Amino acid sequence: RLSDTMEISEIRVMMKYEFHRGATARQTVANIDSAFAILVATNATVNRWHKKFRSGDFNLSNEPRGRLNTRRIIMSKSHCGREFQPKST
């Protein structure tokens, strides 16, 4: 298991190191996985991180996920009724 071997943050540092060495994503996977008896890095993961590094983003922390925190505005029934009631002629 990955958690028994290394932390995710350590793998990210290795991916960043391999990127700076000039290794391709495929070479990065091979280099990292050859050091361990289990599959540690996948092609998809390393490709995603290499793309991020190529764009100039070397931040190794997780990006925020999920929906934005929004506040619902609740109007009283009487206000809604008046505002949206069609005018009679």
PDB file of N, CA and C in Angstrom:
ATOM      1  N   ARG A   1       0.823  -1.208   0.000  1.00  0.00           N
ATOM      2  CA  ARG A   1       0.000   0.000   0.000  1.00  0.00           C
ATOM      3  C   ARG A   1       0.853   1.253   0.000  1.00  0.00           C
ATOM      4  N   LEU A   2       0.349   2.276  -0.660  1.00  0.00           N
ATOM      5  CA  LEU A   2       1.073   3.532  -0.778  1.00  0.00           C
ATOM      6  C   LEU A   2       1.322   4.170   0.582  1.00  0.00           C
ATOM      7  N   SER A   3       0.312   4.195   1.438  1.00  0.00           N
ATOM      8  CA  SER A   3       0.459   4.867   2.725  1.00  0.00           C
ATOM      9  C   SER A   3       1.506   4.199   3.607  1.00  0.00           C
ATOM     10  N   ASP A   4       1.752   2.905   3.383  1.00  0.00           N
ATOM     11  CA  ASP A   4       2.784   2.214   4.150  1.00  0.00           C
ATOM     12  C   ASP A   4       4.177   2.563   3.642  1.00  0.00           C
ATOM     13  N   THR A   5       4.280   3.028   2.414  1.00  0.00           N
ATOM     14  CA  THR A   5       5.570   3.294   1.794  1.00  0.00           C
ATOM     15  C   THR A   5       5.958   4.765   1.883  1.00  0.00           C
ATOM     16  N   MET A   6       5.094   5.636   1.394  1.00  0.00           N
ATOM     17  CA  MET A   6       5.399   7.064   1.360  1.00  0.00           C
ATOM     18  C   MET A   6       4.129   7.893   1.451  1.00  0.00           C
ATOM     19  N   GLU A   7       4.332   9.135   1.786  1.00  0.00           N
ATOM     20  CA  GLU A   7       3.239  10.100   1.800  1.00  0.00           C
ATOM     21  C   GLU A   7       3.061  10.661   0.385  1.00  0.00           C
ATOM     22  N   ILE A   8       1.857  11.101   0.083  1.00  0.00           N
ATOM     23  CA  ILE A   8       1.576  11.690  -1.229  1.00  0.00           C
ATOM     24  C   ILE A   8       2.458  12.915  -1.464  1.00  0.00           C
ATOM     25  N   SER A   9       2.681  13.702  -0.413  1.00  0.00           N
ATOM     26  CA  SER A   9       3.519  14.897  -0.567  1.00  0.00           C
ATOM     27  C   SER A   9       4.937  14.528  -0.986  1.00  0.00           C
ATOM     28  N   GLU A  10       5.437  13.393  -0.528  1.00  0.00           N
ATOM     29  CA  GLU A  10       6.779  12.945  -0.914  1.00  0.00           C
ATOM     30  C   GLU A  10       6.818  12.549  -2.391  1.00  0.00           C
ATOM     31  N   ILE A  11       5.760  11.929  -2.861  1.00  0.00           N
ATOM     32  CA  ILE A  11       5.689  11.539  -4.273  1.00  0.00           C
ATOM     33  C   ILE A  11       5.642  12.781  -5.152  1.00  0.00           C
ATOM     34  N   ARG A  12       4.907  13.794  -4.702  1.00  0.00           N
ATOM     35  CA  ARG A  12       4.828  15.038  -5.469  1.00  0.00           C
ATOM     36  C   ARG A  12       6.198  15.705  -5.575  1.00  0.00           C
ATOM     37  N   VAL A  13       6.968  15.654  -4.504  1.00  0.00           N
ATOM     38  CA  VAL A  13       8.322  16.213  -4.540  1.00  0.00           C
ATOM     39  C   VAL A  13       9.172  15.451  -5.550  1.00  0.00           C
ATOM     40  N   MET A  14       9.021  14.132  -5.582  1.00  0.00           N
ATOM     41  CA  MET A  14       9.773  13.326  -6.545  1.00  0.00           C
ATOM     42  C   MET A  14       9.369  13.665  -7.976  1.00  0.00           C
ATOM     43  N   MET A  15       8.070  13.874  -8.208  1.00  0.00           N
ATOM     44  CA  MET A  15       7.612  14.245  -9.552  1.00  0.00           C
ATOM     45  C   MET A  15       8.186  15.598  -9.964  1.00  0.00           C
ATOM     46  N   LYS A  16       8.214  16.529  -9.025  1.00  0.00           N
ATOM     47  CA  LYS A  16       8.770  17.854  -9.306  1.00  0.00           C
ATOM     48  C   LYS A  16      10.267  17.748  -9.609  1.00  0.00           C
ATOM     49  N   TYR A  17      10.975  16.941  -8.842  1.00  0.00           N
ATOM     50  CA  TYR A  17      12.406  16.723  -9.067  1.00  0.00           C
ATOM     51  C   TYR A  17      12.653  16.149 -10.463  1.00  0.00           C
ATOM     52  N   GLU A  18      11.890  15.125 -10.814  1.00  0.00           N
ATOM     53  CA  GLU A  18      12.046  14.498 -12.133  1.00  0.00           C
ATOM     54  C   GLU A  18      11.737  15.491 -13.249  1.00  0.00           C
ATOM     55  N   PHE A  19      10.730  16.328 -13.048  1.00  0.00           N
ATOM     56  CA  PHE A  19      10.389  17.351 -14.039  1.00  0.00           C
ATOM     57  C   PHE A  19      11.566  18.299 -14.250  1.00  0.00           C
ATOM     58  N   HIS A  20      12.163  18.771 -13.152  1.00  0.00           N
ATOM     59  CA  HIS A  20      13.293  19.695 -13.249  1.00  0.00           C
ATOM     60  C   HIS A  20      14.527  19.030 -13.860  1.00  0.00           C
ATOM     61  N   ARG A  21      14.642  17.736 -13.723  1.00  0.00           N
ATOM     62  CA  ARG A  21      15.739  16.999 -14.356  1.00  0.00           C
ATOM     63  C   ARG A  21      15.543  16.893 -15.859  1.00  0.00           C
ATOM     64  N   GLY A  22      14.307  17.153 -16.319  1.00  0.00           N
ATOM     65  CA  GLY A  22      14.015  17.067 -17.745  1.00  0.00           C
ATOM     66  C   GLY A  22      13.406  15.747 -18.161  1.00  0.00           C
ATOM     67  N   ALA A  23      13.023  14.924 -17.192  1.00  0.00           N
ATOM     68  CA  ALA A  23      12.406  13.632 -17.505  1.00  0.00           C
ATOM     69  C   ALA A  23      11.004  13.848 -18.059  1.00  0.00           C
ATOM     70  N   THR A  24      10.607  12.993 -18.992  1.00  0.00           N
ATOM     71  CA  THR A  24       9.236  13.026 -19.496  1.00  0.00           C
ATOM     72  C   THR A  24       8.327  12.414 -18.434  1.00  0.00           C
ATOM     73  N   ALA A  25       7.031  12.531 -18.644  1.00  0.00           N
ATOM     74  CA  ALA A  25       6.086  11.942 -17.697  1.00  0.00           C
ATOM     75  C   ALA A  25       6.281  10.429 -17.621  1.00  0.00           C
ATOM     76  N   ARG A  26       6.461   9.801 -18.760  1.00  0.00           N
ATOM     77  CA  ARG A  26       6.656   8.346 -18.798  1.00  0.00           C
ATOM     78  C   ARG A  26       7.945   7.941 -18.066  1.00  0.00           C
ATOM     79  N   GLN A  27       9.013   8.699 -18.272  1.00  0.00           N
ATOM     80  CA  GLN A  27      10.270   8.422 -17.578  1.00  0.00           C
ATOM     81  C   GLN A  27      10.120   8.637 -16.075  1.00  0.00           C
ATOM     82  N   THR A  28       9.345   9.658 -15.700  1.00  0.00           N
ATOM     83  CA  THR A  28       9.106   9.934 -14.283  1.00  0.00           C
ATOM     84  C   THR A  28       8.421   8.755 -13.618  1.00  0.00           C
ATOM     85  N   VAL A  29       7.387   8.216 -14.265  1.00  0.00           N
ATOM     86  CA  VAL A  29       6.685   7.049 -13.716  1.00  0.00           C
ATOM     87  C   VAL A  29       7.653   5.887 -13.557  1.00  0.00           C
ATOM     88  N   ALA A  30       8.435   5.626 -14.583  1.00  0.00           N
ATOM     89  CA  ALA A  30       9.379   4.507 -14.535  1.00  0.00           C
ATOM     90  C   ALA A  30      10.416   4.703 -13.433  1.00  0.00           C
ATOM     91  N   ASN A  31      10.943   5.911 -13.300  1.00  0.00           N
ATOM     92  CA  ASN A  31      11.963   6.178 -12.288  1.00  0.00           C
ATOM     93  C   ASN A  31      11.418   6.048 -10.870  1.00  0.00           C
ATOM     94  N   ILE A  32      10.230   6.589 -10.640  1.00  0.00           N
ATOM     95  CA  ILE A  32       9.645   6.523  -9.294  1.00  0.00           C
ATOM     96  C   ILE A  32       9.245   5.092  -8.960  1.00  0.00           C
ATOM     97  N   ASP A  33       8.562   4.427  -9.893  1.00  0.00           N
ATOM     98  CA  ASP A  33       8.088   3.071  -9.618  1.00  0.00           C
ATOM     99  C   ASP A  33       9.226   2.059  -9.505  1.00  0.00           C
ATOM    100  N   SER A  34      10.353   2.321 -10.171  1.00  0.00           N
ATOM    101  CA  SER A  34      11.470   1.375 -10.085  1.00  0.00           C
ATOM    102  C   SER A  34      12.103   1.379  -8.695  1.00  0.00           C
ATOM    103  N   ALA A  35      11.894   2.449  -7.950  1.00  0.00           N
ATOM    104  CA  ALA A  35      12.465   2.540  -6.609  1.00  0.00           C
ATOM    105  C   ALA A  35      11.626   1.802  -5.566  1.00  0.00           C
ATOM    106  N   PHE A  36      10.413   1.400  -5.937  1.00  0.00           N
ATOM    107  CA  PHE A  36       9.511   0.755  -4.982  1.00  0.00           C
ATOM    108  C   PHE A  36       8.963  -0.533  -5.579  1.00  0.00           C
ATOM    109  N   ALA A  37       8.587  -1.447  -4.715  1.00  0.00           N
ATOM    110  CA  ALA A  37       8.087  -2.746  -5.177  1.00  0.00           C
ATOM    111  C   ALA A  37       6.633  -2.676  -5.635  1.00  0.00           C
ATOM    112  N   ILE A  38       5.984  -1.546  -5.421  1.00  0.00           N
ATOM    113  CA  ILE A  38       4.577  -1.392  -5.802  1.00  0.00           C
ATOM    114  C   ILE A  38       4.430  -0.211  -6.759  1.00  0.00           C
ATOM    115  N   LEU A  39       3.281  -0.152  -7.417  1.00  0.00           N
ATOM    116  CA  LEU A  39       2.976   0.970  -8.299  1.00  0.00           C
ATOM    117  C   LEU A  39       2.713   2.197  -7.431  1.00  0.00           C
ATOM    118  N   VAL A  40       3.553   3.193  -7.544  1.00  0.00           N
ATOM    119  CA  VAL A  40       3.427   4.396  -6.734  1.00  0.00           C
ATOM    120  C   VAL A  40       2.848   5.541  -7.554  1.00  0.00           C
ATOM    121  N   ALA A  41       3.342   5.710  -8.768  1.00  0.00           N
ATOM    122  CA  ALA A  41       2.898   6.804  -9.630  1.00  0.00           C
ATOM    123  C   ALA A  41       2.246   6.228 -10.880  1.00  0.00           C
ATOM    124  N   THR A  42       1.161   6.860 -11.311  1.00  0.00           N
ATOM    125  CA  THR A  42       0.496   6.423 -12.540  1.00  0.00           C
ATOM    126  C   THR A  42       0.757   7.442 -13.644  1.00  0.00           C
ATOM    127  N   ASN A  43       0.620   7.000 -14.880  1.00  0.00           N
ATOM    128  CA  ASN A  43       0.823   7.903 -16.020  1.00  0.00           C
ATOM    129  C   ASN A  43      -0.120   9.098 -15.960  1.00  0.00           C
ATOM    130  N   ALA A  44      -1.383   8.856 -15.626  1.00  0.00           N
ATOM    131  CA  ALA A  44      -2.366   9.943 -15.591  1.00  0.00           C
ATOM    132  C   ALA A  44      -1.993  10.993 -14.548  1.00  0.00           C
ATOM    133  N   THR A  45      -1.596  10.542 -13.367  1.00  0.00           N
ATOM    134  CA  THR A  45      -1.229  11.469 -12.299  1.00  0.00           C
ATOM    135  C   THR A  45       0.002  12.276 -12.675  1.00  0.00           C
ATOM    136  N   VAL A  46       1.028  11.598 -13.159  1.00  0.00           N
ATOM    137  CA  VAL A  46       2.268  12.292 -13.512  1.00  0.00           C
ATOM    138  C   VAL A  46       2.033  13.246 -14.684  1.00  0.00           C
ATOM    139  N   ASN A  47       1.231  12.855 -15.658  1.00  0.00           N
ATOM    140  CA  ASN A  47       0.906  13.761 -16.772  1.00  0.00           C
ATOM    141  C   ASN A  47       0.230  15.026 -16.270  1.00  0.00           C
ATOM    142  N   ARG A  48      -0.705  14.870 -15.338  1.00  0.00           N
ATOM    143  CA  ARG A  48      -1.417  16.026 -14.783  1.00  0.00           C
ATOM    144  C   ARG A  48      -0.442  16.971 -14.070  1.00  0.00           C
ATOM    145  N   TRP A  49       0.471  16.402 -13.277  1.00  0.00           N
ATOM    146  CA  TRP A  49       1.438  17.234 -12.555  1.00  0.00           C
ATOM    147  C   TRP A  49       2.451  17.868 -13.502  1.00  0.00           C
ATOM    148  N   HIS A  50       2.897  17.158 -14.516  1.00  0.00           N
ATOM    149  CA  HIS A  50       3.829  17.743 -15.487  1.00  0.00           C
ATOM    150  C   HIS A  50       3.167  18.904 -16.223  1.00  0.00           C
ATOM    151  N   LYS A  51       1.894  18.764 -16.554  1.00  0.00           N
ATOM    152  CA  LYS A  51       1.166  19.854 -17.213  1.00  0.00           C
ATOM    153  C   LYS A  51       1.130  21.084 -16.305  1.00  0.00           C
ATOM    154  N   LYS A  52       0.879  20.853 -15.026  1.00  0.00           N
ATOM    155  CA  LYS A  52       0.844  21.941 -14.051  1.00  0.00           C
ATOM    156  C   LYS A  52       2.217  22.616 -13.955  1.00  0.00           C
ATOM    157  N   PHE A  53       3.276  21.824 -13.899  1.00  0.00           N
ATOM    158  CA  PHE A  53       4.631  22.369 -13.818  1.00  0.00           C
ATOM    159  C   PHE A  53       4.985  23.160 -15.076  1.00  0.00           C
ATOM    160  N   ARG A  54       4.602  22.649 -16.245  1.00  0.00           N
ATOM    161  CA  ARG A  54       4.889  23.351 -17.502  1.00  0.00           C
ATOM    162  C   ARG A  54       4.219  24.723 -17.551  1.00  0.00           C
ATOM    163  N   SER A  55       3.071  24.851 -16.877  1.00  0.00           N
ATOM    164  CA  SER A  55       2.373  26.137 -16.859  1.00  0.00           C
ATOM    165  C   SER A  55       3.014  27.122 -15.882  1.00  0.00           C
ATOM    166  N   GLY A  56       4.031  26.646 -15.138  1.00  0.00           N
ATOM    167  CA  GLY A  56       4.723  27.523 -14.198  1.00  0.00           C
ATOM    168  C   GLY A  56       4.237  27.408 -12.772  1.00  0.00           C
ATOM    169  N   ASP A  57       3.287  26.536 -12.525  1.00  0.00           N
ATOM    170  CA  ASP A  57       2.743  26.339 -11.177  1.00  0.00           C
ATOM    171  C   ASP A  57       3.485  25.190 -10.510  1.00  0.00           C
ATOM    172  N   PHE A  58       4.303  25.514  -9.511  1.00  0.00           N
ATOM    173  CA  PHE A  58       5.082  24.492  -8.815  1.00  0.00           C
ATOM    174  C   PHE A  58       4.585  24.272  -7.390  1.00  0.00           C
ATOM    175  N   ASN A  59       3.393  24.761  -7.089  1.00  0.00           N
ATOM    176  CA  ASN A  59       2.785  24.555  -5.780  1.00  0.00           C
ATOM    177  C   ASN A  59       2.377  23.088  -5.659  1.00  0.00           C
ATOM    178  N   LEU A  60       2.824  22.416  -4.608  1.00  0.00           N
ATOM    179  CA  LEU A  60       2.556  20.989  -4.449  1.00  0.00           C
ATOM    180  C   LEU A  60       1.371  20.694  -3.541  1.00  0.00           C
ATOM    181  N   SER A  61       0.699  21.720  -3.051  1.00  0.00           N
ATOM    182  CA  SER A  61      -0.439  21.481  -2.160  1.00  0.00           C
ATOM    183  C   SER A  61      -1.700  21.173  -2.965  1.00  0.00           C
ATOM    184  N   ASN A  62      -2.692  20.638  -2.285  1.00  0.00           N
ATOM    185  CA  ASN A  62      -3.966  20.315  -2.922  1.00  0.00           C
ATOM    186  C   ASN A  62      -4.710  21.590  -3.279  1.00  0.00           C
ATOM    187  N   GLU A  63      -5.383  21.546  -4.398  1.00  0.00           N
ATOM    188  CA  GLU A  63      -6.238  22.652  -4.802  1.00  0.00           C
ATOM    189  C   GLU A  63      -7.570  22.515  -4.068  1.00  0.00           C
ATOM    190  N   PRO A  64      -8.199  23.647  -3.722  1.00  0.00           N
ATOM    191  CA  PRO A  64      -9.515  23.544  -3.078  1.00  0.00           C
ATOM    192  C   PRO A  64     -10.522  22.882  -4.009  1.00  0.00           C
ATOM    193  N   ARG A  65     -11.394  22.071  -3.419  1.00  0.00           N
ATOM    194  CA  ARG A  65     -12.405  21.376  -4.221  1.00  0.00           C
ATOM    195  C   ARG A  65     -13.787  21.683  -3.683  1.00  0.00           C
ATOM    196  N   GLY A  66     -14.777  21.341  -4.465  1.00  0.00           N
ATOM    197  CA  GLY A  66     -16.153  21.482  -4.022  1.00  0.00           C
ATOM    198  C   GLY A  66     -16.792  22.769  -4.510  1.00  0.00           C
ATOM    199  N   ARG A  67     -18.010  22.957  -4.070  1.00  0.00           N
ATOM    200  CA  ARG A  67     -18.768  24.130  -4.481  1.00  0.00           C
ATOM    201  C   ARG A  67     -18.348  25.342  -3.675  1.00  0.00           C
ATOM    202  N   LEU A  68     -18.526  26.504  -4.275  1.00  0.00           N
ATOM    203  CA  LEU A  68     -18.264  27.736  -3.563  1.00  0.00           C
ATOM    204  C   LEU A  68     -19.294  27.911  -2.466  1.00  0.00           C
ATOM    205  N   ASN A  69     -18.902  28.555  -1.397  1.00  0.00           N
ATOM    206  CA  ASN A  69     -19.814  28.814  -0.303  1.00  0.00           C
ATOM    207  C   ASN A  69     -20.679  30.014  -0.683  1.00  0.00           C
ATOM    208  N   THR A  70     -21.953  29.780  -0.863  1.00  0.00           N
ATOM    209  CA  THR A  70     -22.854  30.873  -1.236  1.00  0.00           C
ATOM    210  C   THR A  70     -23.887  31.067  -0.147  1.00  0.00           C
ATOM    211  N   ARG A  71     -24.377  32.273  -0.070  1.00  0.00           N
ATOM    212  CA  ARG A  71     -25.395  32.591   0.921  1.00  0.00           C
ATOM    213  C   ARG A  71     -26.730  32.734   0.200  1.00  0.00           C
ATOM    214  N   ARG A  72     -27.715  32.055   0.711  1.00  0.00           N
ATOM    215  CA  ARG A  72     -29.051  32.154   0.109  1.00  0.00           C
ATOM    216  C   ARG A  72     -29.782  33.336   0.711  1.00  0.00           C
ATOM    217  N   ILE A  73     -30.412  34.069  -0.149  1.00  0.00           N
ATOM    218  CA  ILE A  73     -31.224  35.194   0.309  1.00  0.00           C
ATOM    219  C   ILE A  73     -32.668  34.743   0.288  1.00  0.00           C
ATOM    220  N   ILE A  74     -33.252  34.759   1.450  1.00  0.00           N
ATOM    221  CA  ILE A  74     -34.636  34.303   1.570  1.00  0.00           C
ATOM    222  C   ILE A  74     -35.521  35.519   1.809  1.00  0.00           C
ATOM    223  N   MET A  75     -36.444  35.702   0.915  1.00  0.00           N
ATOM    224  CA  MET A  75     -37.376  36.813   1.060  1.00  0.00           C
ATOM    225  C   MET A  75     -38.665  36.305   1.690  1.00  0.00           C
ATOM    226  N   SER A  76     -39.315  37.175   2.370  1.00  0.00           N
ATOM    227  CA  SER A  76     -40.581  36.789   2.990  1.00  0.00           C
ATOM    228  C   SER A  76     -41.617  36.502   1.908  1.00  0.00           C
ATOM    229  N   LYS A  77     -42.583  35.680   2.261  1.00  0.00           N
ATOM    230  CA  LYS A  77     -43.620  35.294   1.303  1.00  0.00           C
ATOM    231  C   LYS A  77     -44.356  36.508   0.758  1.00  0.00           C
ATOM    232  N   SER A  78     -44.662  37.434   1.626  1.00  0.00           N
ATOM    233  CA  SER A  78     -45.439  38.591   1.175  1.00  0.00           C
ATOM    234  C   SER A  78     -44.627  39.437   0.194  1.00  0.00           C
ATOM    235  N   HIS A  79     -43.336  39.571   0.428  1.00  0.00           N
ATOM    236  CA  HIS A  79     -42.500  40.357  -0.476  1.00  0.00           C
ATOM    237  C   HIS A  79     -42.406  39.673  -1.839  1.00  0.00           C
ATOM    238  N   CYS A  80     -42.203  38.373  -1.840  1.00  0.00           N
ATOM    239  CA  CYS A  80     -42.116  37.640  -3.102  1.00  0.00           C
ATOM    240  C   CYS A  80     -43.429  37.732  -3.855  1.00  0.00           C
ATOM    241  N   GLY A  81     -44.505  37.583  -3.150  1.00  0.00           N
ATOM    242  CA  GLY A  81     -45.810  37.635  -3.783  1.00  0.00           C
ATOM    243  C   GLY A  81     -46.057  38.964  -4.465  1.00  0.00           C
ATOM    244  N   ARG A  82     -45.684  40.035  -3.810  1.00  0.00           N
ATOM    245  CA  ARG A  82     -45.894  41.363  -4.397  1.00  0.00           C
ATOM    246  C   ARG A  82     -44.949  41.596  -5.567  1.00  0.00           C
ATOM    247  N   GLU A  83     -43.701  41.174  -5.417  1.00  0.00           N
ATOM    248  CA  GLU A  83     -42.722  41.470  -6.446  1.00  0.00           C
ATOM    249  C   GLU A  83     -42.994  40.718  -7.746  1.00  0.00           C
ATOM    250  N   PHE A  84     -43.433  39.497  -7.628  1.00  0.00           N
ATOM    251  CA  PHE A  84     -43.586  38.658  -8.807  1.00  0.00           C
ATOM    252  C   PHE A  84     -45.030  38.530  -9.276  1.00  0.00           C
ATOM    253  N   GLN A  85     -45.926  39.208  -8.663  1.00  0.00           N
ATOM    254  CA  GLN A  85     -47.332  39.134  -9.052  1.00  0.00           C
ATOM    255  C   GLN A  85     -47.546  39.997 -10.296  1.00  0.00           C
ATOM    256  N   PRO A  86     -48.111  39.403 -11.351  1.00  0.00           N
ATOM    257  CA  PRO A  86     -48.335  40.208 -12.559  1.00  0.00           C
ATOM    258  C   PRO A  86     -49.373  41.295 -12.301  1.00  0.00           C
ATOM    259  N   LYS A  87     -49.168  42.430 -12.944  1.00  0.00           N
ATOM    260  CA  LYS A  87     -50.107  43.539 -12.769  1.00  0.00           C
ATOM    261  C   LYS A  87     -51.377  43.249 -13.542  1.00  0.00           C
ATOM    262  N   SER A  88     -52.484  43.517 -12.897  1.00  0.00           N
ATOM    263  CA  SER A  88     -53.754  43.329 -13.599  1.00  0.00           C
ATOM    264  C   SER A  88     -54.137  44.650 -14.253  1.00  0.00           C
ATOM    265  N   THR A  89     -54.772  44.592 -15.395  1.00  0.00           N
ATOM    266  CA  THR A  89     -55.147  45.812 -16.117  1.00  0.00           C
ATOM    267  C   THR A  89     -56.615  46.074 -16.030  1.00  0.00           C
TER     268      THR A  89
END
